[in-house]
Amino acid sequence: MHIPSDTAHIASMRAFVGAIGRHSGCSDETIEDLRLAITEACGQALEQDAAPEGIVLRTSVDGERLTVEIEPAGSFERTGRDGEVVGRWALIQALFPDAELQDQGGSAVLRLAAQIG
């Protein structure tokens, strides 16, 4: 799914992930966690003007896992002065401890894996 760089379109992405999660067999709690994480990643990208061409969301199912990728996800400040995880990244990691943020040619990609069932 591809959305323009406008906060008005984040709701469409949330609905899309909800439908994919439901179709894949994720629990309601997991679906809500995915929606929240996606909102934060999209918000980060739009806040930093990191997505002039829009934001792409990719999903795939592999066995018992639904993988969601958001690109670009923006660059997250991941640690505060005392080394603690902070801000939006702290929230995403609380929801998805295995969350990965990778730089792919100057574009940050956030990868989340959710359990199905």
N, C-alpha and C. Protein backbone atom coordinates (compact mmCIF):
# COMPACT_ATOMS: atom_id res chain seq x y z
N MET A 1 0.86 -1.17 0.00
CA MET A 1 0.00 0.00 0.00
C MET A 1 0.90 1.23 0.00
N HIS A 2 0.51 2.24 -0.73
CA HIS A 2 1.27 3.49 -0.80
C HIS A 2 0.32 4.64 -0.47
N ILE A 3 0.73 5.51 0.46
CA ILE A 3 -0.08 6.69 0.78
C ILE A 3 0.74 7.95 0.53
N PRO A 4 0.06 9.05 0.21
CA PRO A 4 0.76 10.33 0.06
C PRO A 4 1.29 10.81 1.41
N SER A 5 2.19 11.78 1.35
CA SER A 5 2.77 12.36 2.57
C SER A 5 1.80 13.35 3.19
N ASP A 6 0.80 12.82 3.84
CA ASP A 6 -0.23 13.65 4.47
C ASP A 6 -0.84 12.85 5.61
N THR A 7 -0.92 13.46 6.77
CA THR A 7 -1.45 12.74 7.94
C THR A 7 -2.88 12.25 7.74
N ALA A 8 -3.62 12.86 6.85
CA ALA A 8 -5.00 12.44 6.60
C ALA A 8 -5.07 11.01 6.08
N HIS A 9 -4.01 10.51 5.51
CA HIS A 9 -4.02 9.18 4.90
C HIS A 9 -3.54 8.08 5.84
N ILE A 10 -3.09 8.45 7.03
CA ILE A 10 -2.64 7.42 7.99
C ILE A 10 -3.80 6.52 8.39
N ALA A 11 -5.00 7.07 8.46
CA ALA A 11 -6.17 6.26 8.82
C ALA A 11 -6.39 5.13 7.81
N SER A 12 -6.12 5.40 6.54
CA SER A 12 -6.26 4.36 5.51
C SER A 12 -5.26 3.23 5.75
N MET A 13 -4.05 3.60 6.14
CA MET A 13 -3.03 2.60 6.40
C MET A 13 -3.40 1.77 7.64
N ARG A 14 -3.94 2.43 8.65
CA ARG A 14 -4.38 1.72 9.85
C ARG A 14 -5.48 0.71 9.51
N ALA A 15 -6.43 1.13 8.67
CA ALA A 15 -7.53 0.25 8.27
C ALA A 15 -7.00 -0.93 7.46
N PHE A 16 -6.06 -0.67 6.57
CA PHE A 16 -5.46 -1.72 5.75
C PHE A 16 -4.78 -2.77 6.63
N VAL A 17 -3.97 -2.32 7.58
CA VAL A 17 -3.28 -3.25 8.47
C VAL A 17 -4.28 -4.02 9.32
N GLY A 18 -5.33 -3.36 9.75
CA GLY A 18 -6.37 -4.05 10.52
C GLY A 18 -7.01 -5.16 9.71
N ALA A 19 -7.31 -4.88 8.46
CA ALA A 19 -7.92 -5.88 7.59
C ALA A 19 -6.97 -7.05 7.33
N ILE A 20 -5.70 -6.73 7.07
CA ILE A 20 -4.71 -7.79 6.84
C ILE A 20 -4.53 -8.64 8.10
N GLY A 21 -4.43 -7.98 9.24
CA GLY A 21 -4.29 -8.71 10.50
C GLY A 21 -5.47 -9.61 10.79
N ARG A 22 -6.66 -9.09 10.56
CA ARG A 22 -7.87 -9.88 10.79
C ARG A 22 -7.91 -11.08 9.83
N HIS A 23 -7.63 -10.82 8.56
CA HIS A 23 -7.64 -11.88 7.55
C HIS A 23 -6.58 -12.96 7.85
N SER A 24 -5.46 -12.54 8.41
CA SER A 24 -4.37 -13.47 8.71
C SER A 24 -4.60 -14.26 9.99
N GLY A 25 -5.53 -13.79 10.83
CA GLY A 25 -5.83 -14.51 12.06
C GLY A 25 -5.17 -13.94 13.30
N CYS A 26 -4.70 -12.70 13.24
CA CYS A 26 -4.12 -12.06 14.43
C CYS A 26 -5.21 -11.74 15.45
N SER A 27 -4.83 -11.71 16.71
CA SER A 27 -5.78 -11.35 17.76
C SER A 27 -6.13 -9.86 17.66
N ASP A 28 -7.25 -9.48 18.25
CA ASP A 28 -7.65 -8.07 18.26
C ASP A 28 -6.58 -7.19 18.91
N GLU A 29 -5.97 -7.70 19.98
CA GLU A 29 -4.91 -6.94 20.67
C GLU A 29 -3.71 -6.72 19.76
N THR A 30 -3.31 -7.74 19.03
CA THR A 30 -2.18 -7.62 18.11
C THR A 30 -2.49 -6.63 17.00
N ILE A 31 -3.71 -6.68 16.48
CA ILE A 31 -4.12 -5.75 15.44
C ILE A 31 -4.04 -4.31 15.94
N GLU A 32 -4.51 -4.07 17.15
CA GLU A 32 -4.45 -2.71 17.71
C GLU A 32 -3.00 -2.28 17.93
N ASP A 33 -2.15 -3.21 18.36
CA ASP A 33 -0.72 -2.89 18.53
C ASP A 33 -0.09 -2.52 17.19
N LEU A 34 -0.42 -3.27 16.14
CA LEU A 34 0.10 -2.95 14.80
C LEU A 34 -0.36 -1.58 14.35
N ARG A 35 -1.62 -1.29 14.56
CA ARG A 35 -2.17 0.02 14.16
C ARG A 35 -1.45 1.16 14.88
N LEU A 36 -1.22 0.98 16.16
CA LEU A 36 -0.54 2.02 16.94
C LEU A 36 0.90 2.19 16.48
N ALA A 37 1.62 1.10 16.28
CA ALA A 37 3.02 1.18 15.84
C ALA A 37 3.11 1.85 14.47
N ILE A 38 2.19 1.53 13.58
CA ILE A 38 2.19 2.13 12.26
C ILE A 38 1.90 3.62 12.34
N THR A 39 0.98 4.00 13.19
CA THR A 39 0.67 5.42 13.37
C THR A 39 1.91 6.17 13.83
N GLU A 40 2.65 5.60 14.77
CA GLU A 40 3.85 6.25 15.28
C GLU A 40 4.94 6.34 14.21
N ALA A 41 5.15 5.27 13.46
CA ALA A 41 6.19 5.28 12.42
C ALA A 41 5.84 6.27 11.31
N CYS A 42 4.59 6.28 10.89
CA CYS A 42 4.18 7.23 9.84
C CYS A 42 4.28 8.66 10.36
N GLY A 43 3.85 8.88 11.59
CA GLY A 43 3.95 10.21 12.19
C GLY A 43 5.40 10.69 12.25
N GLN A 44 6.30 9.79 12.61
CA GLN A 44 7.72 10.14 12.68
C GLN A 44 8.23 10.54 11.30
N ALA A 45 7.91 9.76 10.29
CA ALA A 45 8.37 10.04 8.93
C ALA A 45 7.81 11.37 8.43
N LEU A 46 6.54 11.62 8.67
CA LEU A 46 5.93 12.87 8.19
C LEU A 46 6.45 14.07 8.97
N GLU A 47 6.65 13.91 10.26
CA GLU A 47 7.16 15.00 11.10
C GLU A 47 8.56 15.43 10.66
N GLN A 48 9.35 14.49 10.20
CA GLN A 48 10.72 14.78 9.79
C GLN A 48 10.85 15.08 8.30
N ASP A 49 9.73 15.13 7.59
CA ASP A 49 9.74 15.31 6.13
C ASP A 49 10.60 14.25 5.46
N ALA A 50 10.58 13.05 6.01
CA ALA A 50 11.39 11.94 5.48
C ALA A 50 10.68 11.20 4.37
N ALA A 51 9.42 11.58 4.08
CA ALA A 51 8.64 10.83 3.10
C ALA A 51 8.06 11.74 2.02
N PRO A 52 8.89 12.46 1.28
CA PRO A 52 8.34 13.38 0.27
C PRO A 52 7.56 12.65 -0.83
N GLU A 53 7.89 11.41 -1.10
CA GLU A 53 7.21 10.63 -2.14
C GLU A 53 6.08 9.78 -1.57
N GLY A 54 5.83 9.89 -0.28
CA GLY A 54 4.81 9.09 0.36
C GLY A 54 5.41 7.96 1.19
N ILE A 55 4.54 7.16 1.77
CA ILE A 55 4.94 6.06 2.65
C ILE A 55 4.41 4.76 2.06
N VAL A 56 5.25 3.75 2.07
CA VAL A 56 4.88 2.43 1.55
C VAL A 56 4.78 1.46 2.73
N LEU A 57 3.71 0.67 2.72
CA LEU A 57 3.52 -0.37 3.71
C LEU A 57 3.46 -1.70 2.97
N ARG A 58 4.28 -2.64 3.41
CA ARG A 58 4.30 -3.98 2.82
C ARG A 58 3.97 -5.00 3.92
N THR A 59 3.23 -6.03 3.55
CA THR A 59 2.91 -7.09 4.49
C THR A 59 3.21 -8.44 3.85
N SER A 60 3.55 -9.40 4.69
CA SER A 60 3.73 -10.77 4.23
C SER A 60 3.43 -11.71 5.39
N VAL A 61 2.99 -12.91 5.05
CA VAL A 61 2.70 -13.93 6.05
C VAL A 61 3.64 -15.09 5.79
N ASP A 62 4.30 -15.52 6.87
CA ASP A 62 5.21 -16.65 6.79
C ASP A 62 4.91 -17.55 7.98
N GLY A 63 4.20 -18.61 7.72
CA GLY A 63 3.84 -19.52 8.80
C GLY A 63 2.92 -18.86 9.80
N GLU A 64 3.42 -18.69 11.00
CA GLU A 64 2.63 -18.13 12.09
C GLU A 64 2.96 -16.66 12.37
N ARG A 65 3.60 -15.98 11.41
CA ARG A 65 3.99 -14.60 11.63
C ARG A 65 3.52 -13.71 10.48
N LEU A 66 2.99 -12.56 10.86
CA LEU A 66 2.65 -11.50 9.91
C LEU A 66 3.74 -10.46 10.03
N THR A 67 4.41 -10.17 8.93
CA THR A 67 5.47 -9.16 8.93
C THR A 67 4.93 -7.91 8.24
N VAL A 68 5.17 -6.77 8.87
CA VAL A 68 4.75 -5.48 8.33
C VAL A 68 5.99 -4.61 8.22
N GLU A 69 6.16 -3.98 7.06
CA GLU A 69 7.26 -3.05 6.83
C GLU A 69 6.71 -1.69 6.45
N ILE A 70 7.28 -0.65 7.02
CA ILE A 70 6.91 0.73 6.71
C ILE A 70 8.17 1.43 6.22
N GLU A 71 8.06 2.06 5.03
CA GLU A 71 9.21 2.76 4.47
C GLU A 71 8.76 4.04 3.79
N PRO A 72 9.37 5.14 4.09
CA PRO A 72 10.35 5.37 5.16
C PRO A 72 9.63 5.52 6.49
N ALA A 73 10.31 5.19 7.54
CA ALA A 73 9.74 5.26 8.87
C ALA A 73 10.27 6.46 9.65
N GLY A 74 11.16 7.23 9.08
CA GLY A 74 11.78 8.32 9.82
C GLY A 74 12.92 7.78 10.66
N SER A 75 13.70 8.67 11.20
CA SER A 75 14.79 8.25 12.08
C SER A 75 14.38 8.54 13.50
N PHE A 76 14.41 7.53 14.30
CA PHE A 76 13.96 7.63 15.69
C PHE A 76 15.13 7.94 16.60
N GLU A 77 14.93 8.86 17.54
CA GLU A 77 15.89 9.01 18.64
C GLU A 77 15.62 7.83 19.54
N ARG A 78 16.60 6.96 19.66
CA ARG A 78 16.34 5.70 20.36
C ARG A 78 16.78 5.69 21.81
N THR A 79 17.71 6.54 22.19
CA THR A 79 18.13 6.56 23.58
C THR A 79 18.26 7.98 24.09
N GLY A 80 17.92 8.14 25.35
CA GLY A 80 18.05 9.44 26.00
C GLY A 80 19.43 9.59 26.62
N ARG A 81 19.58 10.63 27.42
CA ARG A 81 20.88 10.93 28.04
C ARG A 81 21.41 9.80 28.90
N ASP A 82 20.50 9.10 29.58
CA ASP A 82 20.95 8.04 30.48
C ASP A 82 20.95 6.66 29.83
N GLY A 83 20.79 6.62 28.50
CA GLY A 83 20.83 5.35 27.78
C GLY A 83 19.50 4.63 27.69
N GLU A 84 18.44 5.20 28.30
CA GLU A 84 17.12 4.58 28.24
C GLU A 84 16.52 4.75 26.85
N VAL A 85 15.72 3.77 26.45
CA VAL A 85 14.98 3.87 25.20
C VAL A 85 13.88 4.92 25.42
N VAL A 86 13.71 5.83 24.44
CA VAL A 86 12.79 6.96 24.64
C VAL A 86 11.81 7.13 23.48
N GLY A 87 10.81 7.97 23.71
CA GLY A 87 9.90 8.46 22.69
C GLY A 87 9.13 7.39 21.94
N ARG A 88 8.89 7.68 20.68
CA ARG A 88 8.11 6.78 19.83
C ARG A 88 8.77 5.41 19.71
N TRP A 89 10.10 5.39 19.69
CA TRP A 89 10.80 4.11 19.60
C TRP A 89 10.53 3.25 20.83
N ALA A 90 10.45 3.87 22.00
CA ALA A 90 10.16 3.13 23.23
C ALA A 90 8.77 2.49 23.14
N LEU A 91 7.82 3.23 22.62
CA LEU A 91 6.47 2.69 22.47
C LEU A 91 6.46 1.52 21.50
N ILE A 92 7.10 1.68 20.35
CA ILE A 92 7.13 0.61 19.36
C ILE A 92 7.82 -0.63 19.93
N GLN A 93 8.91 -0.45 20.64
CA GLN A 93 9.62 -1.59 21.23
C GLN A 93 8.83 -2.25 22.35
N ALA A 94 8.03 -1.47 23.07
CA ALA A 94 7.18 -2.06 24.10
C ALA A 94 6.12 -2.96 23.46
N LEU A 95 5.62 -2.55 22.30
CA LEU A 95 4.61 -3.35 21.61
C LEU A 95 5.22 -4.53 20.85
N PHE A 96 6.40 -4.28 20.23
CA PHE A 96 7.08 -5.28 19.39
C PHE A 96 8.56 -5.30 19.75
N PRO A 97 8.94 -6.09 20.75
CA PRO A 97 10.34 -6.11 21.19
C PRO A 97 11.33 -6.50 20.09
N ASP A 98 10.86 -7.23 19.07
CA ASP A 98 11.74 -7.64 17.97
C ASP A 98 11.78 -6.61 16.84
N ALA A 99 11.16 -5.44 17.03
CA ALA A 99 11.10 -4.44 15.96
C ALA A 99 12.50 -4.11 15.47
N GLU A 100 12.62 -3.97 14.15
CA GLU A 100 13.90 -3.64 13.54
C GLU A 100 13.75 -2.34 12.76
N LEU A 101 14.76 -1.50 12.87
CA LEU A 101 14.82 -0.28 12.09
C LEU A 101 16.11 -0.33 11.30
N GLN A 102 15.99 -0.43 9.98
CA GLN A 102 17.17 -0.59 9.14
C GLN A 102 17.26 0.53 8.13
N ASP A 103 18.48 0.98 7.90
CA ASP A 103 18.73 1.99 6.88
C ASP A 103 18.98 1.26 5.56
N GLN A 104 18.14 1.53 4.59
CA GLN A 104 18.30 0.90 3.28
C GLN A 104 18.50 2.00 2.24
N GLY A 105 19.74 2.36 2.04
CA GLY A 105 20.06 3.37 1.05
C GLY A 105 19.55 4.75 1.40
N GLY A 106 19.64 5.13 2.67
CA GLY A 106 19.21 6.45 3.11
C GLY A 106 17.75 6.51 3.50
N SER A 107 17.03 5.42 3.40
CA SER A 107 15.63 5.36 3.77
C SER A 107 15.47 4.36 4.91
N ALA A 108 14.90 4.80 6.02
CA ALA A 108 14.71 3.90 7.16
C ALA A 108 13.49 3.02 6.94
N VAL A 109 13.66 1.73 7.18
CA VAL A 109 12.58 0.76 7.06
C VAL A 109 12.32 0.17 8.44
N LEU A 110 11.07 0.27 8.89
CA LEU A 110 10.67 -0.35 10.15
C LEU A 110 10.01 -1.68 9.84
N ARG A 111 10.49 -2.73 10.49
CA ARG A 111 9.95 -4.07 10.29
C ARG A 111 9.40 -4.58 11.61
N LEU A 112 8.13 -4.97 11.58
CA LEU A 112 7.45 -5.52 12.75
C LEU A 112 6.99 -6.92 12.43
N ALA A 113 7.09 -7.83 13.38
CA ALA A 113 6.60 -9.19 13.20
C ALA A 113 5.58 -9.47 14.29
N ALA A 114 4.38 -9.88 13.85
CA ALA A 114 3.29 -10.16 14.78
C ALA A 114 2.93 -11.63 14.71
N GLN A 115 2.59 -12.17 15.86
CA GLN A 115 2.18 -13.56 15.95
C GLN A 115 0.76 -13.71 15.43
N ILE A 116 0.54 -14.75 14.64
CA ILE A 116 -0.80 -15.06 14.15
C ILE A 116 -1.41 -16.09 15.08
N GLY A 117 -2.67 -15.89 15.40
CA GLY A 117 -3.38 -16.85 16.23
C GLY A 117 -3.57 -16.39 17.63
